[in-house]
Amino acid sequence: MEKLTQQEELAMLAIWKTGSGSVKDFLENHLSPQPPYTTLASTIRNLEKKQYVTSRKTGNVYTYTPAVQEGAHKQAFMNGFVKDYFENSYKALVTFFAKEKKITPAELKDIVRMIEKK
């Protein structure tokens, strides 16, 4: 999967939230501040080139549908993030958050319990 820009990430969040729709539909579900219509339309065309969305023309309106599921994108993003920034170690990732006090001991215990249950 090709990496997305921040603008493309925000557009994809709106697309996943909407499901299938037009640029106008995605604009309504876009996080603030909303980009101009033409900027979002251009971003969505880039996402189509990157094969994150597919389009279908009905009259004068294009309807876009996600071609990549949100969960699959999150998994690929996190794998790349951990590889690039934490030497492919999820332990190093968790240690980072613990040192930065971004995760509490109770949350860590919950994580351990979830791991042990699987």
PDB file of N, CA and C in Angstrom:
ATOM      1  N   MET A   1       0.832  -1.183   0.000  1.00  0.00           N
ATOM      2  CA  MET A   1       0.000   0.000   0.000  1.00  0.00           C
ATOM      3  C   MET A   1       0.880   1.252   0.000  1.00  0.00           C
ATOM      4  N   GLU A   2       0.540   2.157  -0.854  1.00  0.00           N
ATOM      5  CA  GLU A   2       1.292   3.406  -0.947  1.00  0.00           C
ATOM      6  C   GLU A   2       0.954   4.308   0.244  1.00  0.00           C
ATOM      7  N   LYS A   3       1.975   5.009   0.760  1.00  0.00           N
ATOM      8  CA  LYS A   3       1.752   5.917   1.889  1.00  0.00           C
ATOM      9  C   LYS A   3       0.896   7.093   1.454  1.00  0.00           C
ATOM     10  N   LEU A   4       0.110   7.595   2.400  1.00  0.00           N
ATOM     11  CA  LEU A   4      -0.763   8.727   2.128  1.00  0.00           C
ATOM     12  C   LEU A   4      -0.232   9.986   2.789  1.00  0.00           C
ATOM     13  N   THR A   5      -0.521  11.123   2.173  1.00  0.00           N
ATOM     14  CA  THR A   5      -0.201  12.405   2.780  1.00  0.00           C
ATOM     15  C   THR A   5      -1.220  12.664   3.893  1.00  0.00           C
ATOM     16  N   GLN A   6      -0.954  13.652   4.719  1.00  0.00           N
ATOM     17  CA  GLN A   6      -1.895  13.986   5.787  1.00  0.00           C
ATOM     18  C   GLN A   6      -3.248  14.387   5.204  1.00  0.00           C
ATOM     19  N   GLN A   7      -3.234  15.134   4.132  1.00  0.00           N
ATOM     20  CA  GLN A   7      -4.470  15.555   3.464  1.00  0.00           C
ATOM     21  C   GLN A   7      -5.243  14.337   2.949  1.00  0.00           C
ATOM     22  N   GLU A   8      -4.523  13.373   2.389  1.00  0.00           N
ATOM     23  CA  GLU A   8      -5.171  12.155   1.898  1.00  0.00           C
ATOM     24  C   GLU A   8      -5.716  11.319   3.051  1.00  0.00           C
ATOM     25  N   GLU A   9      -4.988  11.259   4.162  1.00  0.00           N
ATOM     26  CA  GLU A   9      -5.456  10.530   5.343  1.00  0.00           C
ATOM     27  C   GLU A   9      -6.790  11.108   5.831  1.00  0.00           C
ATOM     28  N   LEU A  10      -6.856  12.439   5.928  1.00  0.00           N
ATOM     29  CA  LEU A  10      -8.086  13.087   6.384  1.00  0.00           C
ATOM     30  C   LEU A  10      -9.236  12.827   5.418  1.00  0.00           C
ATOM     31  N   ALA A  11      -8.946  12.847   4.132  1.00  0.00           N
ATOM     32  CA  ALA A  11      -9.979  12.549   3.136  1.00  0.00           C
ATOM     33  C   ALA A  11     -10.469  11.109   3.285  1.00  0.00           C
ATOM     34  N   MET A  12      -9.536  10.182   3.494  1.00  0.00           N
ATOM     35  CA  MET A  12      -9.922   8.774   3.647  1.00  0.00           C
ATOM     36  C   MET A  12     -10.768   8.577   4.899  1.00  0.00           C
ATOM     37  N   LEU A  13     -10.477   9.288   5.972  1.00  0.00           N
ATOM     38  CA  LEU A  13     -11.309   9.185   7.176  1.00  0.00           C
ATOM     39  C   LEU A  13     -12.749   9.584   6.870  1.00  0.00           C
ATOM     40  N   ALA A  14     -12.922  10.646   6.091  1.00  0.00           N
ATOM     41  CA  ALA A  14     -14.263  11.079   5.698  1.00  0.00           C
ATOM     42  C   ALA A  14     -14.919  10.050   4.783  1.00  0.00           C
ATOM     43  N   ILE A  15     -14.136   9.470   3.884  1.00  0.00           N
ATOM     44  CA  ILE A  15     -14.672   8.463   2.953  1.00  0.00           C
ATOM     45  C   ILE A  15     -15.095   7.216   3.719  1.00  0.00           C
ATOM     46  N   TRP A  16     -14.254   6.737   4.635  1.00  0.00           N
ATOM     47  CA  TRP A  16     -14.622   5.561   5.425  1.00  0.00           C
ATOM     48  C   TRP A  16     -15.855   5.845   6.275  1.00  0.00           C
ATOM     49  N   LYS A  17     -15.951   7.032   6.815  1.00  0.00           N
ATOM     50  CA  LYS A  17     -17.106   7.396   7.646  1.00  0.00           C
ATOM     51  C   LYS A  17     -18.379   7.424   6.810  1.00  0.00           C
ATOM     52  N   THR A  18     -18.274   7.922   5.592  1.00  0.00           N
ATOM     53  CA  THR A  18     -19.437   8.043   4.704  1.00  0.00           C
ATOM     54  C   THR A  18     -19.797   6.713   4.057  1.00  0.00           C
ATOM     55  N   GLY A  19     -18.776   5.959   3.688  1.00  0.00           N
ATOM     56  CA  GLY A  19     -18.984   4.726   2.937  1.00  0.00           C
ATOM     57  C   GLY A  19     -18.799   5.021   1.473  1.00  0.00           C
ATOM     58  N   SER A  20     -19.871   5.141   0.749  1.00  0.00           N
ATOM     59  CA  SER A  20     -19.829   5.456  -0.671  1.00  0.00           C
ATOM     60  C   SER A  20     -20.542   6.786  -0.861  1.00  0.00           C
ATOM     61  N   GLY A  21     -19.962   7.655  -1.710  1.00  0.00           N
ATOM     62  CA  GLY A  21     -20.632   8.937  -1.911  1.00  0.00           C
ATOM     63  C   GLY A  21     -19.879   9.846  -2.845  1.00  0.00           C
ATOM     64  N   SER A  22     -20.362  11.067  -2.915  1.00  0.00           N
ATOM     65  CA  SER A  22     -19.771  12.085  -3.777  1.00  0.00           C
ATOM     66  C   SER A  22     -18.813  12.943  -2.956  1.00  0.00           C
ATOM     67  N   VAL A  23     -18.096  13.818  -3.636  1.00  0.00           N
ATOM     68  CA  VAL A  23     -17.187  14.745  -2.951  1.00  0.00           C
ATOM     69  C   VAL A  23     -17.980  15.567  -1.931  1.00  0.00           C
ATOM     70  N   LYS A  24     -19.175  15.989  -2.305  1.00  0.00           N
ATOM     71  CA  LYS A  24     -20.023  16.775  -1.399  1.00  0.00           C
ATOM     72  C   LYS A  24     -20.342  15.983  -0.130  1.00  0.00           C
ATOM     73  N   ASP A  25     -20.655  14.701  -0.277  1.00  0.00           N
ATOM     74  CA  ASP A  25     -20.945  13.848   0.884  1.00  0.00           C
ATOM     75  C   ASP A  25     -19.725  13.760   1.800  1.00  0.00           C
ATOM     76  N   PHE A  26     -18.553  13.592   1.197  1.00  0.00           N
ATOM     77  CA  PHE A  26     -17.333  13.462   1.995  1.00  0.00           C
ATOM     78  C   PHE A  26     -16.983  14.771   2.688  1.00  0.00           C
ATOM     79  N   LEU A  27     -17.282  15.871   2.032  1.00  0.00           N
ATOM     80  CA  LEU A  27     -17.017  17.190   2.616  1.00  0.00           C
ATOM     81  C   LEU A  27     -17.820  17.364   3.908  1.00  0.00           C
ATOM     82  N   GLU A  28     -19.036  16.852   3.923  1.00  0.00           N
ATOM     83  CA  GLU A  28     -19.900  16.945   5.111  1.00  0.00           C
ATOM     84  C   GLU A  28     -19.332  16.140   6.278  1.00  0.00           C
ATOM     85  N   ASN A  29     -18.596  15.066   5.999  1.00  0.00           N
ATOM     86  CA  ASN A  29     -18.035  14.215   7.049  1.00  0.00           C
ATOM     87  C   ASN A  29     -16.553  14.481   7.303  1.00  0.00           C
ATOM     88  N   HIS A  30     -16.009  15.495   6.676  1.00  0.00           N
ATOM     89  CA  HIS A  30     -14.581  15.810   6.819  1.00  0.00           C
ATOM     90  C   HIS A  30     -14.355  16.540   8.138  1.00  0.00           C
ATOM     91  N   LEU A  31     -13.257  16.221   8.796  1.00  0.00           N
ATOM     92  CA  LEU A  31     -12.904  16.910  10.027  1.00  0.00           C
ATOM     93  C   LEU A  31     -12.634  18.380   9.756  1.00  0.00           C
ATOM     94  N   SER A  32     -12.877  19.206  10.759  1.00  0.00           N
ATOM     95  CA  SER A  32     -12.593  20.644  10.621  1.00  0.00           C
ATOM     96  C   SER A  32     -11.104  20.895  10.747  1.00  0.00           C
ATOM     97  N   PRO A  33     -10.580  21.846  10.056  1.00  0.00           N
ATOM     98  CA  PRO A  33     -11.268  22.709   9.099  1.00  0.00           C
ATOM     99  C   PRO A  33     -11.456  21.977   7.768  1.00  0.00           C
ATOM    100  N   GLN A  34     -12.626  22.146   7.190  1.00  0.00           N
ATOM    101  CA  GLN A  34     -12.924  21.497   5.919  1.00  0.00           C
ATOM    102  C   GLN A  34     -12.152  22.181   4.798  1.00  0.00           C
ATOM    103  N   PRO A  35     -11.593  21.384   3.897  1.00  0.00           N
ATOM    104  CA  PRO A  35     -10.890  21.979   2.754  1.00  0.00           C
ATOM    105  C   PRO A  35     -11.903  22.505   1.738  1.00  0.00           C
ATOM    106  N   PRO A  36     -11.457  23.344   0.825  1.00  0.00           N
ATOM    107  CA  PRO A  36     -12.355  23.754  -0.268  1.00  0.00           C
ATOM    108  C   PRO A  36     -12.772  22.525  -1.093  1.00  0.00           C
ATOM    109  N   TYR A  37     -13.937  22.600  -1.694  1.00  0.00           N
ATOM    110  CA  TYR A  37     -14.479  21.502  -2.502  1.00  0.00           C
ATOM    111  C   TYR A  37     -13.462  21.040  -3.541  1.00  0.00           C
ATOM    112  N   THR A  38     -12.863  21.988  -4.257  1.00  0.00           N
ATOM    113  CA  THR A  38     -11.942  21.625  -5.345  1.00  0.00           C
ATOM    114  C   THR A  38     -10.693  20.924  -4.815  1.00  0.00           C
ATOM    115  N   THR A  39     -10.239  21.310  -3.636  1.00  0.00           N
ATOM    116  CA  THR A  39      -9.073  20.664  -3.032  1.00  0.00           C
ATOM    117  C   THR A  39      -9.403  19.224  -2.671  1.00  0.00           C
ATOM    118  N   LEU A  40     -10.570  19.021  -2.058  1.00  0.00           N
ATOM    119  CA  LEU A  40     -10.973  17.660  -1.699  1.00  0.00           C
ATOM    120  C   LEU A  40     -11.173  16.807  -2.951  1.00  0.00           C
ATOM    121  N   ALA A  41     -11.766  17.372  -3.988  1.00  0.00           N
ATOM    122  CA  ALA A  41     -11.974  16.630  -5.240  1.00  0.00           C
ATOM    123  C   ALA A  41     -10.634  16.194  -5.831  1.00  0.00           C
ATOM    124  N   SER A  42      -9.661  17.076  -5.807  1.00  0.00           N
ATOM    125  CA  SER A  42      -8.326  16.758  -6.313  1.00  0.00           C
ATOM    126  C   SER A  42      -7.666  15.667  -5.469  1.00  0.00           C
ATOM    127  N   THR A  43      -7.828  15.769  -4.163  1.00  0.00           N
ATOM    128  CA  THR A  43      -7.261  14.770  -3.251  1.00  0.00           C
ATOM    129  C   THR A  43      -7.885  13.398  -3.521  1.00  0.00           C
ATOM    130  N   ILE A  44      -9.180  13.372  -3.744  1.00  0.00           N
ATOM    131  CA  ILE A  44      -9.865  12.100  -4.008  1.00  0.00           C
ATOM    132  C   ILE A  44      -9.408  11.506  -5.337  1.00  0.00           C
ATOM    133  N   ARG A  45      -9.161  12.340  -6.322  1.00  0.00           N
ATOM    134  CA  ARG A  45      -8.632  11.829  -7.597  1.00  0.00           C
ATOM    135  C   ARG A  45      -7.248  11.203  -7.375  1.00  0.00           C
ATOM    136  N   ASN A  46      -6.440  11.821  -6.518  1.00  0.00           N
ATOM    137  CA  ASN A  46      -5.127  11.234  -6.183  1.00  0.00           C
ATOM    138  C   ASN A  46      -5.302   9.898  -5.474  1.00  0.00           C
ATOM    139  N   LEU A  47      -6.298   9.813  -4.601  1.00  0.00           N
ATOM    140  CA  LEU A  47      -6.566   8.553  -3.899  1.00  0.00           C
ATOM    141  C   LEU A  47      -7.013   7.469  -4.880  1.00  0.00           C
ATOM    142  N   GLU A  48      -7.704   7.878  -5.913  1.00  0.00           N
ATOM    143  CA  GLU A  48      -8.112   6.912  -6.946  1.00  0.00           C
ATOM    144  C   GLU A  48      -6.884   6.408  -7.706  1.00  0.00           C
ATOM    145  N   LYS A  49      -5.950   7.302  -8.006  1.00  0.00           N
ATOM    146  CA  LYS A  49      -4.717   6.899  -8.680  1.00  0.00           C
ATOM    147  C   LYS A  49      -3.903   5.932  -7.814  1.00  0.00           C
ATOM    148  N   LYS A  50      -3.955   6.149  -6.505  1.00  0.00           N
ATOM    149  CA  LYS A  50      -3.237   5.281  -5.564  1.00  0.00           C
ATOM    150  C   LYS A  50      -4.037   4.019  -5.240  1.00  0.00           C
ATOM    151  N   GLN A  51      -5.211   3.880  -5.839  1.00  0.00           N
ATOM    152  CA  GLN A  51      -6.090   2.730  -5.711  1.00  0.00           C
ATOM    153  C   GLN A  51      -6.687   2.568  -4.304  1.00  0.00           C
ATOM    154  N   TYR A  52      -6.898   3.683  -3.623  1.00  0.00           N
ATOM    155  CA  TYR A  52      -7.566   3.660  -2.329  1.00  0.00           C
ATOM    156  C   TYR A  52      -9.077   3.781  -2.487  1.00  0.00           C
ATOM    157  N   VAL A  53      -9.519   4.357  -3.613  1.00  0.00           N
ATOM    158  CA  VAL A  53     -10.945   4.479  -3.907  1.00  0.00           C
ATOM    159  C   VAL A  53     -11.194   4.107  -5.367  1.00  0.00           C
ATOM    160  N   THR A  54     -12.429   3.717  -5.634  1.00  0.00           N
ATOM    161  CA  THR A  54     -12.865   3.497  -7.014  1.00  0.00           C
ATOM    162  C   THR A  54     -13.987   4.497  -7.294  1.00  0.00           C
ATOM    163  N   SER A  55     -14.225   4.766  -8.571  1.00  0.00           N
ATOM    164  CA  SER A  55     -15.277   5.722  -8.909  1.00  0.00           C
ATOM    165  C   SER A  55     -16.217   5.154  -9.959  1.00  0.00           C
ATOM    166  N   ARG A  56     -17.429   5.720  -9.936  1.00  0.00           N
ATOM    167  CA  ARG A  56     -18.450   5.372 -10.920  1.00  0.00           C
ATOM    168  C   ARG A  56     -19.165   6.665 -11.253  1.00  0.00           C
ATOM    169  N   LYS A  57     -19.307   6.963 -12.540  1.00  0.00           N
ATOM    170  CA  LYS A  57     -19.962   8.203 -12.959  1.00  0.00           C
ATOM    171  C   LYS A  57     -21.434   7.940 -13.235  1.00  0.00           C
ATOM    172  N   THR A  58     -22.281   8.758 -12.596  1.00  0.00           N
ATOM    173  CA  THR A  58     -23.719   8.700 -12.809  1.00  0.00           C
ATOM    174  C   THR A  58     -24.157  10.100 -13.201  1.00  0.00           C
ATOM    175  N   GLY A  59     -24.466  10.286 -14.453  1.00  0.00           N
ATOM    176  CA  GLY A  59     -24.794  11.621 -14.943  1.00  0.00           C
ATOM    177  C   GLY A  59     -23.542  12.484 -14.900  1.00  0.00           C
ATOM    178  N   ASN A  60     -23.619  13.583 -14.164  1.00  0.00           N
ATOM    179  CA  ASN A  60     -22.469  14.479 -14.030  1.00  0.00           C
ATOM    180  C   ASN A  60     -21.730  14.305 -12.708  1.00  0.00           C
ATOM    181  N   VAL A  61     -22.147  13.313 -11.911  1.00  0.00           N
ATOM    182  CA  VAL A  61     -21.590  13.151 -10.571  1.00  0.00           C
ATOM    183  C   VAL A  61     -20.815  11.837 -10.466  1.00  0.00           C
ATOM    184  N   TYR A  62     -19.646  11.932  -9.875  1.00  0.00           N
ATOM    185  CA  TYR A  62     -18.860  10.731  -9.582  1.00  0.00           C
ATOM    186  C   TYR A  62     -19.197  10.254  -8.175  1.00  0.00           C
ATOM    187  N   THR A  63     -19.407   8.953  -8.050  1.00  0.00           N
ATOM    188  CA  THR A  63     -19.602   8.315  -6.749  1.00  0.00           C
ATOM    189  C   THR A  63     -18.351   7.510  -6.464  1.00  0.00           C
ATOM    190  N   TYR A  64     -17.774   7.747  -5.299  1.00  0.00           N
ATOM    191  CA  TYR A  64     -16.533   7.075  -4.908  1.00  0.00           C
ATOM    192  C   TYR A  64     -16.826   6.066  -3.803  1.00  0.00           C
ATOM    193  N   THR A  65     -16.098   4.975  -3.855  1.00  0.00           N
ATOM    194  CA  THR A  65     -16.227   3.907  -2.870  1.00  0.00           C
ATOM    195  C   THR A  65     -14.838   3.512  -2.396  1.00  0.00           C
ATOM    196  N   PRO A  66     -14.668   3.296  -1.088  1.00  0.00           N
ATOM    197  CA  PRO A  66     -13.352   2.873  -0.603  1.00  0.00           C
ATOM    198  C   PRO A  66     -12.952   1.528  -1.218  1.00  0.00           C
ATOM    199  N   ALA A  67     -11.735   1.447  -1.710  1.00  0.00           N
ATOM    200  CA  ALA A  67     -11.208   0.195  -2.251  1.00  0.00           C
ATOM    201  C   ALA A  67     -10.314  -0.483  -1.220  1.00  0.00           C
ATOM    202  N   VAL A  68      -9.900   0.285  -0.216  1.00  0.00           N
ATOM    203  CA  VAL A  68      -9.069  -0.222   0.877  1.00  0.00           C
ATOM    204  C   VAL A  68      -9.868  -0.052   2.157  1.00  0.00           C
ATOM    205  N   GLN A  69      -9.994  -1.126   2.903  1.00  0.00           N
ATOM    206  CA  GLN A  69     -10.727  -1.056   4.158  1.00  0.00           C
ATOM    207  C   GLN A  69      -9.904  -0.339   5.223  1.00  0.00           C
ATOM    208  N   GLU A  70     -10.579   0.355   6.114  1.00  0.00           N
ATOM    209  CA  GLU A  70      -9.903   1.139   7.146  1.00  0.00           C
ATOM    210  C   GLU A  70      -8.981   0.267   8.006  1.00  0.00           C
ATOM    211  N   GLY A  71      -9.450  -0.904   8.380  1.00  0.00           N
ATOM    212  CA  GLY A  71      -8.638  -1.795   9.212  1.00  0.00           C
ATOM    213  C   GLY A  71      -7.362  -2.238   8.516  1.00  0.00           C
ATOM    214  N   ALA A  72      -7.455  -2.539   7.243  1.00  0.00           N
ATOM    215  CA  ALA A  72      -6.270  -2.957   6.479  1.00  0.00           C
ATOM    216  C   ALA A  72      -5.270  -1.810   6.378  1.00  0.00           C
ATOM    217  N   HIS A  73      -5.793  -0.591   6.193  1.00  0.00           N
ATOM    218  CA  HIS A  73      -4.902   0.573   6.112  1.00  0.00           C
ATOM    219  C   HIS A  73      -4.222   0.821   7.455  1.00  0.00           C
ATOM    220  N   LYS A  74      -4.975   0.755   8.542  1.00  0.00           N
ATOM    221  CA  LYS A  74      -4.403   0.960   9.878  1.00  0.00           C
ATOM    222  C   LYS A  74      -3.295  -0.052  10.150  1.00  0.00           C
ATOM    223  N   GLN A  75      -3.540  -1.293   9.797  1.00  0.00           N
ATOM    224  CA  GLN A  75      -2.549  -2.337  10.036  1.00  0.00           C
ATOM    225  C   GLN A  75      -1.267  -2.064   9.243  1.00  0.00           C
ATOM    226  N   ALA A  76      -1.413  -1.733   7.972  1.00  0.00           N
ATOM    227  CA  ALA A  76      -0.241  -1.443   7.139  1.00  0.00           C
ATOM    228  C   ALA A  76       0.486  -0.200   7.644  1.00  0.00           C
ATOM    229  N   PHE A  77      -0.276   0.826   8.030  1.00  0.00           N
ATOM    230  CA  PHE A  77       0.327   2.057   8.546  1.00  0.00           C
ATOM    231  C   PHE A  77       1.113   1.781   9.813  1.00  0.00           C
ATOM    232  N   MET A  78       0.502   1.063  10.753  1.00  0.00           N
ATOM    233  CA  MET A  78       1.178   0.798  12.029  1.00  0.00           C
ATOM    234  C   MET A  78       2.404  -0.085  11.840  1.00  0.00           C
ATOM    235  N   ASN A  79       2.310  -1.074  10.963  1.00  0.00           N
ATOM    236  CA  ASN A  79       3.480  -1.919  10.699  1.00  0.00           C
ATOM    237  C   ASN A  79       4.636  -1.082  10.154  1.00  0.00           C
ATOM    238  N   GLY A  80       4.337  -0.190   9.229  1.00  0.00           N
ATOM    239  CA  GLY A  80       5.369   0.684   8.669  1.00  0.00           C
ATOM    240  C   GLY A  80       5.904   1.660   9.694  1.00  0.00           C
ATOM    241  N   PHE A  81       5.018   2.187  10.524  1.00  0.00           N
ATOM    242  CA  PHE A  81       5.401   3.139  11.563  1.00  0.00           C
ATOM    243  C   PHE A  81       6.348   2.486  12.573  1.00  0.00           C
ATOM    244  N   VAL A  82       5.981   1.306  13.028  1.00  0.00           N
ATOM    245  CA  VAL A  82       6.818   0.593  14.007  1.00  0.00           C
ATOM    246  C   VAL A  82       8.152   0.214  13.371  1.00  0.00           C
ATOM    247  N   LYS A  83       8.126  -0.200  12.120  1.00  0.00           N
ATOM    248  CA  LYS A  83       9.364  -0.555  11.425  1.00  0.00           C
ATOM    249  C   LYS A  83      10.273   0.662  11.271  1.00  0.00           C
ATOM    250  N   ASP A  84       9.707   1.793  10.844  1.00  0.00           N
ATOM    251  CA  ASP A  84      10.502   2.986  10.566  1.00  0.00           C
ATOM    252  C   ASP A  84      11.001   3.699  11.820  1.00  0.00           C
ATOM    253  N   TYR A  85      10.207   3.728  12.872  1.00  0.00           N
ATOM    254  CA  TYR A  85      10.536   4.537  14.043  1.00  0.00           C
ATOM    255  C   TYR A  85      10.956   3.744  15.276  1.00  0.00           C
ATOM    256  N   PHE A  86      10.636   2.449  15.310  1.00  0.00           N
ATOM    257  CA  PHE A  86      10.925   1.663  16.509  1.00  0.00           C
ATOM    258  C   PHE A  86      11.662   0.363  16.190  1.00  0.00           C
ATOM    259  N   GLU A  87      12.411   0.369  15.098  1.00  0.00           N
ATOM    260  CA  GLU A  87      13.240  -0.776  14.703  1.00  0.00           C
ATOM    261  C   GLU A  87      12.442  -2.084  14.682  1.00  0.00           C
ATOM    262  N   ASN A  88      11.198  -1.976  14.236  1.00  0.00           N
ATOM    263  CA  ASN A  88      10.299  -3.122  14.086  1.00  0.00           C
ATOM    264  C   ASN A  88       9.983  -3.813  15.412  1.00  0.00           C
ATOM    265  N   SER A  89      10.019  -3.051  16.509  1.00  0.00           N
ATOM    266  CA  SER A  89       9.780  -3.604  17.844  1.00  0.00           C
ATOM    267  C   SER A  89       8.555  -2.939  18.482  1.00  0.00           C
ATOM    268  N   TYR A  90       7.510  -3.739  18.672  1.00  0.00           N
ATOM    269  CA  TYR A  90       6.322  -3.222  19.350  1.00  0.00           C
ATOM    270  C   TYR A  90       6.616  -2.995  20.833  1.00  0.00           C
ATOM    271  N   LYS A  91       7.554  -3.763  21.368  1.00  0.00           N
ATOM    272  CA  LYS A  91       7.988  -3.545  22.747  1.00  0.00           C
ATOM    273  C   LYS A  91       8.588  -2.140  22.879  1.00  0.00           C
ATOM    274  N   ALA A  92       9.412  -1.746  21.921  1.00  0.00           N
ATOM    275  CA  ALA A  92      10.000  -0.405  21.944  1.00  0.00           C
ATOM    276  C   ALA A  92       8.916   0.668  21.834  1.00  0.00           C
ATOM    277  N   LEU A  93       7.883   0.406  21.067  1.00  0.00           N
ATOM    278  CA  LEU A  93       6.759   1.347  20.940  1.00  0.00           C
ATOM    279  C   LEU A  93       6.062   1.529  22.284  1.00  0.00           C
ATOM    280  N   VAL A  94       5.729   0.428  22.936  1.00  0.00           N
ATOM    281  CA  VAL A  94       5.037   0.494  24.229  1.00  0.00           C
ATOM    282  C   VAL A  94       5.943   1.137  25.278  1.00  0.00           C
ATOM    283  N   THR A  95       7.221   0.804  25.252  1.00  0.00           N
ATOM    284  CA  THR A  95       8.181   1.394  26.188  1.00  0.00           C
ATOM    285  C   THR A  95       8.245   2.904  25.999  1.00  0.00           C
ATOM    286  N   PHE A  96       8.236   3.347  24.754  1.00  0.00           N
ATOM    287  CA  PHE A  96       8.240   4.785  24.460  1.00  0.00           C
ATOM    288  C   PHE A  96       7.051   5.467  25.122  1.00  0.00           C
ATOM    289  N   PHE A  97       5.852   4.900  24.936  1.00  0.00           N
ATOM    290  CA  PHE A  97       4.653   5.507  25.511  1.00  0.00           C
ATOM    291  C   PHE A  97       4.679   5.463  27.041  1.00  0.00           C
ATOM    292  N   ALA A  98       5.232   4.403  27.603  1.00  0.00           N
ATOM    293  CA  ALA A  98       5.335   4.321  29.059  1.00  0.00           C
ATOM    294  C   ALA A  98       6.285   5.387  29.599  1.00  0.00           C
ATOM    295  N   LYS A  99       7.432   5.543  28.946  1.00  0.00           N
ATOM    296  CA  LYS A  99       8.402   6.557  29.382  1.00  0.00           C
ATOM    297  C   LYS A  99       7.841   7.963  29.246  1.00  0.00           C
ATOM    298  N   GLU A 100       7.054   8.194  28.219  1.00  0.00           N
ATOM    299  CA  GLU A 100       6.461   9.511  27.986  1.00  0.00           C
ATOM    300  C   GLU A 100       5.204   9.742  28.831  1.00  0.00           C
ATOM    301  N   LYS A 101       4.869   8.723  29.634  1.00  0.00           N
ATOM    302  CA  LYS A 101       3.681   8.769  30.505  1.00  0.00           C
ATOM    303  C   LYS A 101       2.403   9.000  29.699  1.00  0.00           C
ATOM    304  N   LYS A 102       2.338   8.348  28.550  1.00  0.00           N
ATOM    305  CA  LYS A 102       1.153   8.424  27.688  1.00  0.00           C
ATOM    306  C   LYS A 102       0.252   7.210  27.889  1.00  0.00           C
ATOM    307  N   ILE A 103       0.732   6.266  28.699  1.00  0.00           N
ATOM    308  CA  ILE A 103      -0.035   5.064  29.000  1.00  0.00           C
ATOM    309  C   ILE A 103       0.132   4.779  30.494  1.00  0.00           C
ATOM    310  N   THR A 104      -0.959   4.434  31.140  1.00  0.00           N
ATOM    311  CA  THR A 104      -0.922   4.211  32.588  1.00  0.00           C
ATOM    312  C   THR A 104      -0.606   2.747  32.887  1.00  0.00           C
ATOM    313  N   PRO A 105      -0.138   2.475  34.118  1.00  0.00           N
ATOM    314  CA  PRO A 105       0.085   1.071  34.511  1.00  0.00           C
ATOM    315  C   PRO A 105      -1.187   0.230  34.371  1.00  0.00           C
ATOM    316  N   ALA A 106      -2.335   0.812  34.695  1.00  0.00           N
ATOM    317  CA  ALA A 106      -3.597   0.076  34.557  1.00  0.00           C
ATOM    318  C   ALA A 106      -3.865  -0.284  33.095  1.00  0.00           C
ATOM    319  N   GLU A 107      -3.571   0.638  32.185  1.00  0.00           N
ATOM    320  CA  GLU A 107      -3.762   0.359  30.756  1.00  0.00           C
ATOM    321  C   GLU A 107      -2.798  -0.739  30.297  1.00  0.00           C
ATOM    322  N   LEU A 108      -1.574  -0.697  30.802  1.00  0.00           N
ATOM    323  CA  LEU A 108      -0.609  -1.752  30.453  1.00  0.00           C
ATOM    324  C   LEU A 108      -1.089  -3.113  30.946  1.00  0.00           C
ATOM    325  N   LYS A 109      -1.639  -3.148  32.155  1.00  0.00           N
ATOM    326  CA  LYS A 109      -2.174  -4.411  32.687  1.00  0.00           C
ATOM    327  C   LYS A 109      -3.323  -4.915  31.820  1.00  0.00           C
ATOM    328  N   ASP A 110      -4.174  -3.995  31.365  1.00  0.00           N
ATOM    329  CA  ASP A 110      -5.274  -4.384  30.472  1.00  0.00           C
ATOM    330  C   ASP A 110      -4.738  -4.976  29.171  1.00  0.00           C
ATOM    331  N   ILE A 111      -3.679  -4.381  28.650  1.00  0.00           N
ATOM    332  CA  ILE A 111      -3.066  -4.881  27.415  1.00  0.00           C
ATOM    333  C   ILE A 111      -2.518  -6.280  27.630  1.00  0.00           C
ATOM    334  N   VAL A 112      -1.836  -6.491  28.745  1.00  0.00           N
ATOM    335  CA  VAL A 112      -1.284  -7.817  29.061  1.00  0.00           C
ATOM    336  C   VAL A 112      -2.417  -8.839  29.164  1.00  0.00           C
ATOM    337  N   ARG A 113      -3.516  -8.449  29.816  1.00  0.00           N
ATOM    338  CA  ARG A 113      -4.670  -9.368  29.931  1.00  0.00           C
ATOM    339  C   ARG A 113      -5.247  -9.719  28.558  1.00  0.00           C
ATOM    340  N   MET A 114      -5.336  -8.722  27.670  1.00  0.00           N
ATOM    341  CA  MET A 114      -5.847  -8.990  26.320  1.00  0.00           C
ATOM    342  C   MET A 114      -4.924  -9.944  25.577  1.00  0.00           C
ATOM    343  N   ILE A 115      -3.624  -9.756  25.713  1.00  0.00           N
ATOM    344  CA  ILE A 115      -2.654 -10.632  25.049  1.00  0.00           C
ATOM    345  C   ILE A 115      -2.759 -12.041  25.584  1.00  0.00           C
ATOM    346  N   GLU A 116      -2.883 -12.175  26.894  1.00  0.00           N
ATOM    347  CA  GLU A 116      -2.958 -13.506  27.509  1.00  0.00           C
ATOM    348  C   GLU A 116      -4.244 -14.242  27.136  1.00  0.00           C
ATOM    349  N   LYS A 117      -5.319 -13.518  26.895  1.00  0.00           N
ATOM    350  CA  LYS A 117      -6.595 -14.150  26.512  1.00  0.00           C
ATOM    351  C   LYS A 117      -6.564 -14.726  25.115  1.00  0.00           C
ATOM    352  N   LYS A 118      -5.743 -14.122  24.230  1.00  0.00           N
ATOM    353  CA  LYS A 118      -5.683 -14.606  22.850  1.00  0.00           C
ATOM    354  C   LYS A 118      -4.725 -15.711  22.808  1.00  0.00           C
TER     355      LYS A 118
END
